[in-house]
Amino acid sequence: MEEEIQNDAMDDRARRADKIIKNPKNYKICAGCESIVAKKVTICPNCHAYRYIDSESMVIAQAQELGNREARSVLGVDLE
């Protein structure tokens, strides 16, 4: 059961990464926690940083990396 949940999570990450790779101009990388966020975001929802990397090639590379591994970040919802 746990393995099935883990596979679903990895599939979801891969789908989100694919969406980002297809439209990197709509995203940026947080310089604080290296999360990928929407271009319109002012403050990172994960770490509250406000500096970003806008390079489309870097966004693609980061999406490829994040889409191929398990989540490691602790999000606010994890602490509730």
Protein backbone atom coordinates (compact mmCIF):
# COMPACT_ATOMS: atom_id res chain seq x y z
CA MET A 1 0.00 0.00 0.00
CA GLU A 2 2.77 2.45 0.96
CA GLU A 3 4.63 1.65 -2.27
CA GLU A 4 1.51 2.43 -4.31
CA ILE A 5 1.15 5.82 -2.60
CA GLN A 6 4.82 6.53 -3.23
CA ASN A 7 4.43 5.61 -6.93
CA ASP A 8 1.40 7.90 -7.24
CA ALA A 9 3.40 10.75 -5.67
CA MET A 10 6.28 10.19 -8.09
CA ASP A 11 3.87 10.10 -11.04
CA ASP A 12 2.34 13.37 -9.88
CA ARG A 13 5.78 14.99 -9.55
CA ALA A 14 6.70 13.79 -13.05
CA ARG A 15 3.46 15.25 -14.48
CA ARG A 16 4.07 18.61 -12.80
CA ALA A 17 7.68 18.63 -14.00
CA ASP A 18 6.53 17.90 -17.56
CA LYS A 19 4.09 20.83 -17.39
CA ILE A 20 6.92 23.12 -16.25
CA ILE A 21 9.34 21.84 -18.91
CA LYS A 22 6.78 22.58 -21.63
CA ASN A 23 6.29 26.19 -20.43
CA PRO A 24 9.41 27.30 -18.52
CA LYS A 25 8.65 30.98 -19.18
CA ASN A 26 5.75 30.72 -16.71
CA TYR A 27 8.00 29.65 -13.82
CA LYS A 28 11.05 30.64 -11.79
CA ILE A 29 13.28 29.01 -9.16
CA CYS A 30 13.39 30.25 -5.59
CA ALA A 31 16.96 31.21 -4.73
CA GLY A 32 16.27 30.32 -1.09
CA CYS A 33 14.92 26.76 -1.28
CA GLU A 34 15.24 25.91 -4.99
CA SER A 35 11.51 25.26 -5.36
CA ILE A 36 9.90 26.02 -8.68
CA VAL A 37 7.11 28.57 -8.37
CA ALA A 38 4.81 30.43 -10.76
CA LYS A 39 6.32 33.54 -12.34
CA LYS A 40 3.64 35.72 -10.66
CA VAL A 41 4.69 34.71 -7.13
CA THR A 42 6.36 37.50 -5.14
CA ILE A 43 7.24 35.60 -1.95
CA CYS A 44 8.06 31.90 -1.97
CA PRO A 45 5.24 29.97 -0.28
CA ASN A 46 7.74 27.42 1.07
CA CYS A 47 10.56 29.47 2.56
CA HIS A 48 9.32 33.09 2.24
CA ALA A 49 12.34 34.17 0.19
CA TYR A 50 11.91 36.86 -2.46
CA ARG A 51 14.88 36.29 -4.79
CA TYR A 52 14.48 34.11 -7.86
CA ILE A 53 16.32 32.63 -10.81
CA ASP A 54 14.43 33.42 -14.02
CA SER A 55 16.56 31.50 -16.53
CA GLU A 56 14.35 29.21 -18.61
CA SER A 57 17.18 26.71 -19.06
CA MET A 58 17.72 26.57 -15.30
CA VAL A 59 13.98 26.11 -14.72
CA ILE A 60 13.97 23.17 -17.16
CA ALA A 61 17.02 21.58 -15.51
CA GLN A 62 15.52 22.01 -12.03
CA ALA A 63 12.16 20.56 -13.15
CA GLN A 64 13.93 17.53 -14.62
CA GLU A 65 15.82 16.97 -11.38
CA LEU A 66 12.83 17.46 -9.09
CA GLY A 67 10.55 15.36 -11.30
CA ASN A 68 12.85 12.35 -11.03
CA ARG A 69 13.23 12.17 -7.25
CA GLU A 70 11.10 11.98 -4.15
CA ALA A 71 10.03 15.16 -2.40
CA ARG A 72 12.47 16.21 0.34
CA SER A 73 11.13 19.61 1.30
CA VAL A 74 9.12 20.25 4.42
CA LEU A 75 6.13 22.37 3.49
CA GLY A 76 3.88 24.43 5.72
CA VAL A 77 1.08 21.86 5.36
CA ASP A 78 3.45 19.21 6.72
CA LEU A 79 3.68 21.15 9.99
CA GLU A 80 -0.07 21.56 10.55
